Amino acid sequence: YNQSLLASILAAEGPDAALAWAKGVTANMARPPQGNDRDQVRSVALGLGELAVVNTYYLGLLENADDPKDRAARAAVGVIFPNQSGRGAHVNVSGAGIVKGAKNRPHAVALLEFLTSKKIQASYQKMTSEFAVAEGIKPEPLQEKWGTFKPDLTSLHELAGHQEEAVKIFDLAGWK
């Protein structure tokens, strides 16, 4: 996830800004990275840091968790969507595709069309707290509580072109 985030910074602001950002985050880490996005939210809730970069759907998982400690951790943190006056917040996506040599291409296309239909996207959004990719689907009430946001619309193709450089910049910044 962080690699694509840095690729988006590279695409928008160039390598010098990307390196400065990565060095700044690295220098300000409250501790060496450990765990997943939910662990980062829990740590901020405990006061081990002031900010964590996380995917929003993990907030939904925490808010709907069986464990009251997870729900309390989620309630203790806010949501900030960065870059709202500029390019917008970086958005990670779940993806699917069809391999070139697929034997049942028509069925594969039908599956992708089904998965990207408004009905299934709305259902997937409700189950996972991920924002739908299909247009015209209203966010779930849980997502609406986070506020509206402007997404970064940099193409995945462009982000792909910056992945290798993002890894090198993270190494230069001492990112762990």
C-alpha atoms as a PDB file:
ATOM      1  CA  TYR A   1       0.000   0.000   0.000  1.00  0.00           C
ATOM      2  CA  ASN A   2       2.687   2.471   0.964  1.00  0.00           C
ATOM      3  CA  GLN A   3       4.548   1.799  -2.260  1.00  0.00           C
ATOM      4  CA  SER A   4       1.565   2.935  -4.338  1.00  0.00           C
ATOM      5  CA  LEU A   5       1.055   5.914  -2.039  1.00  0.00           C
ATOM      6  CA  LEU A   6       4.647   6.980  -2.656  1.00  0.00           C
ATOM      7  CA  ALA A   7       4.188   6.328  -6.381  1.00  0.00           C
ATOM      8  CA  SER A   8       1.282   8.793  -6.305  1.00  0.00           C
ATOM      9  CA  ILE A   9       3.517  11.396  -4.655  1.00  0.00           C
ATOM     10  CA  LEU A  10       6.162  10.746  -7.314  1.00  0.00           C
ATOM     11  CA  ALA A  11       3.584  11.220 -10.065  1.00  0.00           C
ATOM     12  CA  ALA A  12       2.254  14.454  -8.591  1.00  0.00           C
ATOM     13  CA  GLU A  13       5.313  16.118  -7.098  1.00  0.00           C
ATOM     14  CA  GLY A  14       8.428  14.381  -8.392  1.00  0.00           C
ATOM     15  CA  PRO A  15      11.305  12.464  -6.778  1.00  0.00           C
ATOM     16  CA  ASP A  16      12.648  15.239  -4.535  1.00  0.00           C
ATOM     17  CA  ALA A  17       9.280  15.785  -2.866  1.00  0.00           C
ATOM     18  CA  ALA A  18       8.701  12.033  -2.602  1.00  0.00           C
ATOM     19  CA  LEU A  19      12.064  11.541  -0.892  1.00  0.00           C
ATOM     20  CA  ALA A  20      11.424  14.453   1.470  1.00  0.00           C
ATOM     21  CA  TRP A  21       8.011  12.999   2.376  1.00  0.00           C
ATOM     22  CA  ALA A  22       9.406   9.494   2.954  1.00  0.00           C
ATOM     23  CA  LYS A  23      12.284  10.856   5.067  1.00  0.00           C
ATOM     24  CA  GLY A  24       9.874  13.005   7.061  1.00  0.00           C
ATOM     25  CA  VAL A  25       7.558  10.111   7.831  1.00  0.00           C
ATOM     26  CA  THR A  26      10.480   7.825   8.673  1.00  0.00           C
ATOM     27  CA  ALA A  27      11.969  10.395  11.053  1.00  0.00           C
ATOM     28  CA  ASN A  28       8.632  10.853  12.795  1.00  0.00           C
ATOM     29  CA  MET A  29       7.672   7.208  13.313  1.00  0.00           C
ATOM     30  CA  ALA A  30       6.812   6.641  16.964  1.00  0.00           C
ATOM     31  CA  ARG A  31       8.337   3.164  16.791  1.00  0.00           C
ATOM     32  CA  PRO A  32       9.578   0.683  14.191  1.00  0.00           C
ATOM     33  CA  PRO A  33       6.652  -0.452  12.038  1.00  0.00           C
ATOM     34  CA  GLN A  34       4.820  -3.510  13.279  1.00  0.00           C
ATOM     35  CA  GLY A  35       1.457  -5.082  12.644  1.00  0.00           C
ATOM     36  CA  ASN A  36      -1.247  -4.106  10.206  1.00  0.00           C
ATOM     37  CA  ASP A  37      -3.460  -1.058   9.738  1.00  0.00           C
ATOM     38  CA  ARG A  38      -5.701  -2.053  12.644  1.00  0.00           C
ATOM     39  CA  ASP A  39      -2.653  -2.293  14.898  1.00  0.00           C
ATOM     40  CA  GLN A  40      -1.667   1.240  13.880  1.00  0.00           C
ATOM     41  CA  VAL A  41      -5.113   2.576  14.831  1.00  0.00           C
ATOM     42  CA  ARG A  42      -4.951   0.725  18.153  1.00  0.00           C
ATOM     43  CA  SER A  43      -1.512   2.238  18.813  1.00  0.00           C
ATOM     44  CA  VAL A  44      -2.687   5.788  18.117  1.00  0.00           C
ATOM     45  CA  ALA A  45      -5.690   5.196  20.390  1.00  0.00           C
ATOM     46  CA  LEU A  46      -3.270   4.132  23.141  1.00  0.00           C
ATOM     47  CA  GLY A  47      -1.218   7.297  22.669  1.00  0.00           C
ATOM     48  CA  LEU A  48       1.807   5.622  21.066  1.00  0.00           C
ATOM     49  CA  GLY A  49       1.622   8.079  18.195  1.00  0.00           C
ATOM     50  CA  GLU A  50      -0.485  10.930  16.922  1.00  0.00           C
ATOM     51  CA  LEU A  51      -1.164   9.812  13.369  1.00  0.00           C
ATOM     52  CA  ALA A  52      -1.277   6.634  11.322  1.00  0.00           C
ATOM     53  CA  VAL A  53      -1.668   6.238   7.583  1.00  0.00           C
ATOM     54  CA  VAL A  54      -4.288   3.532   7.121  1.00  0.00           C
ATOM     55  CA  ASN A  55      -6.815   2.324   4.600  1.00  0.00           C
ATOM     56  CA  THR A  56     -10.289   3.448   5.596  1.00  0.00           C
ATOM     57  CA  TYR A  57     -11.859   0.017   5.296  1.00  0.00           C
ATOM     58  CA  TYR A  58      -9.839  -1.052   8.338  1.00  0.00           C
ATOM     59  CA  LEU A  59     -11.703   1.616  10.283  1.00  0.00           C
ATOM     60  CA  GLY A  60     -14.920  -0.108   9.279  1.00  0.00           C
ATOM     61  CA  LEU A  61     -13.546  -3.440  10.457  1.00  0.00           C
ATOM     62  CA  LEU A  62     -12.645  -1.922  13.825  1.00  0.00           C
ATOM     63  CA  GLU A  63     -15.930  -0.087  14.184  1.00  0.00           C
ATOM     64  CA  ASN A  64     -17.875  -3.291  13.530  1.00  0.00           C
ATOM     65  CA  ALA A  65     -15.541  -5.592  15.487  1.00  0.00           C
ATOM     66  CA  ASP A  66     -16.780  -8.046  18.094  1.00  0.00           C
ATOM     67  CA  ASP A  67     -14.072  -6.926  20.521  1.00  0.00           C
ATOM     68  CA  PRO A  68     -15.153  -3.802  22.445  1.00  0.00           C
ATOM     69  CA  LYS A  69     -11.489  -2.736  22.686  1.00  0.00           C
ATOM     70  CA  ASP A  70     -11.334  -2.525  18.891  1.00  0.00           C
ATOM     71  CA  ARG A  71     -14.526  -0.475  18.744  1.00  0.00           C
ATOM     72  CA  ALA A  72     -13.117   1.831  21.439  1.00  0.00           C
ATOM     73  CA  ALA A  73      -9.850   2.216  19.515  1.00  0.00           C
ATOM     74  CA  ARG A  74     -11.775   3.221  16.409  1.00  0.00           C
ATOM     75  CA  ALA A  75     -13.886   5.684  18.393  1.00  0.00           C
ATOM     76  CA  ALA A  76     -10.730   7.293  19.801  1.00  0.00           C
ATOM     77  CA  VAL A  77      -9.318   8.335  16.416  1.00  0.00           C
ATOM     78  CA  GLY A  78     -10.514  10.692  13.720  1.00  0.00           C
ATOM     79  CA  VAL A  79     -10.284  10.545   9.946  1.00  0.00           C
ATOM     80  CA  ILE A  80      -8.294  12.966   7.822  1.00  0.00           C
ATOM     81  CA  PHE A  81      -8.326  12.774   4.040  1.00  0.00           C
ATOM     82  CA  PRO A  82      -5.107  14.478   2.864  1.00  0.00           C
ATOM     83  CA  ASN A  83      -4.555  16.719  -0.137  1.00  0.00           C
ATOM     84  CA  GLN A  84      -8.159  17.869  -0.342  1.00  0.00           C
ATOM     85  CA  SER A  85      -7.218  21.286  -1.706  1.00  0.00           C
ATOM     86  CA  GLY A  86      -4.904  19.697  -4.278  1.00  0.00           C
ATOM     87  CA  ARG A  87      -4.820  16.387  -6.083  1.00  0.00           C
ATOM     88  CA  GLY A  88      -6.954  14.526  -3.528  1.00  0.00           C
ATOM     89  CA  ALA A  89      -6.340  11.537  -1.275  1.00  0.00           C
ATOM     90  CA  HIS A  90      -4.521   8.520  -2.661  1.00  0.00           C
ATOM     91  CA  VAL A  91      -6.878   5.594  -3.205  1.00  0.00           C
ATOM     92  CA  ASN A  92      -5.811   1.967  -3.182  1.00  0.00           C
ATOM     93  CA  VAL A  93      -7.980  -0.393  -5.197  1.00  0.00           C
ATOM     94  CA  SER A  94      -8.819  -4.052  -5.299  1.00  0.00           C
ATOM     95  CA  GLY A  95      -8.412  -5.328  -8.814  1.00  0.00           C
ATOM     96  CA  ALA A  96      -9.237  -8.219 -11.077  1.00  0.00           C
ATOM     97  CA  GLY A  97      -8.259  -9.076 -14.598  1.00  0.00           C
ATOM     98  CA  ILE A  98      -8.233 -11.772 -17.219  1.00  0.00           C
ATOM     99  CA  VAL A  99      -5.012 -13.483 -18.220  1.00  0.00           C
ATOM    100  CA  LYS A 100      -4.180 -13.424 -21.899  1.00  0.00           C
ATOM    101  CA  GLY A 101      -4.512 -17.187 -22.350  1.00  0.00           C
ATOM    102  CA  ALA A 102      -7.767 -17.612 -20.411  1.00  0.00           C
ATOM    103  CA  LYS A 103      -9.633 -20.674 -21.698  1.00  0.00           C
ATOM    104  CA  ASN A 104     -13.076 -19.403 -20.698  1.00  0.00           C
ATOM    105  CA  ARG A 105     -12.757 -15.743 -21.604  1.00  0.00           C
ATOM    106  CA  PRO A 106     -16.519 -15.118 -22.037  1.00  0.00           C
ATOM    107  CA  HIS A 107     -17.171 -16.487 -18.550  1.00  0.00           C
ATOM    108  CA  ALA A 108     -14.317 -14.440 -17.110  1.00  0.00           C
ATOM    109  CA  VAL A 109     -15.691 -11.285 -18.721  1.00  0.00           C
ATOM    110  CA  ALA A 110     -19.146 -12.109 -17.355  1.00  0.00           C
ATOM    111  CA  LEU A 111     -17.688 -12.526 -13.862  1.00  0.00           C
ATOM    112  CA  LEU A 112     -15.917  -9.157 -14.031  1.00  0.00           C
ATOM    113  CA  GLU A 113     -19.072  -7.482 -15.315  1.00  0.00           C
ATOM    114  CA  PHE A 114     -21.008  -9.069 -12.442  1.00  0.00           C
ATOM    115  CA  LEU A 115     -18.440  -7.968  -9.847  1.00  0.00           C
ATOM    116  CA  THR A 116     -18.454  -4.388 -11.123  1.00  0.00           C
ATOM    117  CA  SER A 117     -22.240  -4.118 -11.392  1.00  0.00           C
ATOM    118  CA  LYS A 118     -23.894  -1.524  -9.176  1.00  0.00           C
ATOM    119  CA  LYS A 119     -25.775  -4.158  -7.183  1.00  0.00           C
ATOM    120  CA  ILE A 120     -22.670  -6.175  -6.328  1.00  0.00           C
ATOM    121  CA  GLN A 121     -20.507  -3.092  -5.750  1.00  0.00           C
ATOM    122  CA  ALA A 122     -23.084  -1.763  -3.272  1.00  0.00           C
ATOM    123  CA  SER A 123     -23.156  -5.133  -1.510  1.00  0.00           C
ATOM    124  CA  TYR A 124     -19.351  -5.399  -1.468  1.00  0.00           C
ATOM    125  CA  GLN A 125     -19.095  -1.874  -0.075  1.00  0.00           C
ATOM    126  CA  LYS A 126     -21.526  -2.747   2.719  1.00  0.00           C
ATOM    127  CA  MET A 127     -19.667  -5.970   3.608  1.00  0.00           C
ATOM    128  CA  THR A 128     -16.122  -4.595   3.505  1.00  0.00           C
ATOM    129  CA  SER A 129     -16.379  -0.840   4.174  1.00  0.00           C
ATOM    130  CA  GLU A 130     -14.389  -0.302   0.961  1.00  0.00           C
ATOM    131  CA  PHE A 131     -15.740   2.458  -1.251  1.00  0.00           C
ATOM    132  CA  ALA A 132     -17.449   1.188  -4.394  1.00  0.00           C
ATOM    133  CA  VAL A 133     -15.685   1.678  -7.719  1.00  0.00           C
ATOM    134  CA  ALA A 134     -18.912   1.846  -9.709  1.00  0.00           C
ATOM    135  CA  GLU A 135     -20.248   5.376 -10.088  1.00  0.00           C
ATOM    136  CA  GLY A 136     -23.537   6.420  -8.580  1.00  0.00           C
ATOM    137  CA  ILE A 137     -23.357   4.264  -5.462  1.00  0.00           C
ATOM    138  CA  LYS A 138     -24.022   6.195  -2.286  1.00  0.00           C
ATOM    139  CA  PRO A 139     -21.530   5.579   0.522  1.00  0.00           C
ATOM    140  CA  GLU A 140     -22.697   3.519   3.467  1.00  0.00           C
ATOM    141  CA  PRO A 141     -23.708   5.442   6.629  1.00  0.00           C
ATOM    142  CA  LEU A 142     -20.455   4.303   8.256  1.00  0.00           C
ATOM    143  CA  GLN A 143     -18.461   5.818   5.395  1.00  0.00           C
ATOM    144  CA  GLU A 144     -20.526   9.002   5.469  1.00  0.00           C
ATOM    145  CA  LYS A 145     -19.444   9.503   9.100  1.00  0.00           C
ATOM    146  CA  TRP A 146     -15.856   9.771   7.836  1.00  0.00           C
ATOM    147  CA  GLY A 147     -16.836  12.737   5.681  1.00  0.00           C
ATOM    148  CA  THR A 148     -16.642  13.322   1.975  1.00  0.00           C
ATOM    149  CA  PHE A 149     -13.331  13.322   0.203  1.00  0.00           C
ATOM    150  CA  LYS A 150     -11.747  14.159  -3.094  1.00  0.00           C
ATOM    151  CA  PRO A 151      -9.899  11.125  -4.491  1.00  0.00           C
ATOM    152  CA  ASP A 152      -6.603  11.351  -6.342  1.00  0.00           C
ATOM    153  CA  LEU A 153      -7.512  10.337  -9.901  1.00  0.00           C
ATOM    154  CA  THR A 154      -3.987   9.477 -11.043  1.00  0.00           C
ATOM    155  CA  SER A 155      -4.310   6.462 -13.330  1.00  0.00           C
ATOM    156  CA  LEU A 156      -3.179   3.050 -12.155  1.00  0.00           C
ATOM    157  CA  HIS A 157      -1.078   2.849 -15.309  1.00  0.00           C
ATOM    158  CA  GLU A 158       0.817   5.979 -14.267  1.00  0.00           C
ATOM    159  CA  LEU A 159       1.250   4.693 -10.699  1.00  0.00           C
ATOM    160  CA  ALA A 160       2.621   1.421 -12.070  1.00  0.00           C
ATOM    161  CA  GLY A 161       5.339   3.379 -13.843  1.00  0.00           C
ATOM    162  CA  HIS A 162       6.576   4.754 -10.507  1.00  0.00           C
ATOM    163  CA  GLN A 163       6.608   1.558  -8.423  1.00  0.00           C
ATOM    164  CA  GLU A 164      10.285   0.706  -8.877  1.00  0.00           C
ATOM    165  CA  GLU A 165      11.394   4.250  -8.109  1.00  0.00           C
ATOM    166  CA  ALA A 166       9.145   4.300  -5.025  1.00  0.00           C
ATOM    167  CA  VAL A 167      10.940   1.246  -3.617  1.00  0.00           C
ATOM    168  CA  LYS A 168      14.324   2.905  -4.196  1.00  0.00           C
ATOM    169  CA  ILE A 169      13.180   6.101  -2.486  1.00  0.00           C
ATOM    170  CA  PHE A 170      11.873   4.184   0.518  1.00  0.00           C
ATOM    171  CA  ASP A 171      15.289   2.507   0.787  1.00  0.00           C
ATOM    172  CA  LEU A 172      17.062   5.890   0.604  1.00  0.00           C
ATOM    173  CA  ALA A 173      14.745   7.240   3.311  1.00  0.00           C
ATOM    174  CA  GLY A 174      15.474   4.322   5.645  1.00  0.00           C
ATOM    175  CA  TRP A 175      11.840   3.169   5.548  1.00  0.00           C
ATOM    176  CA  LYS A 176      11.299  -0.160   7.275  1.00  0.00           C
END
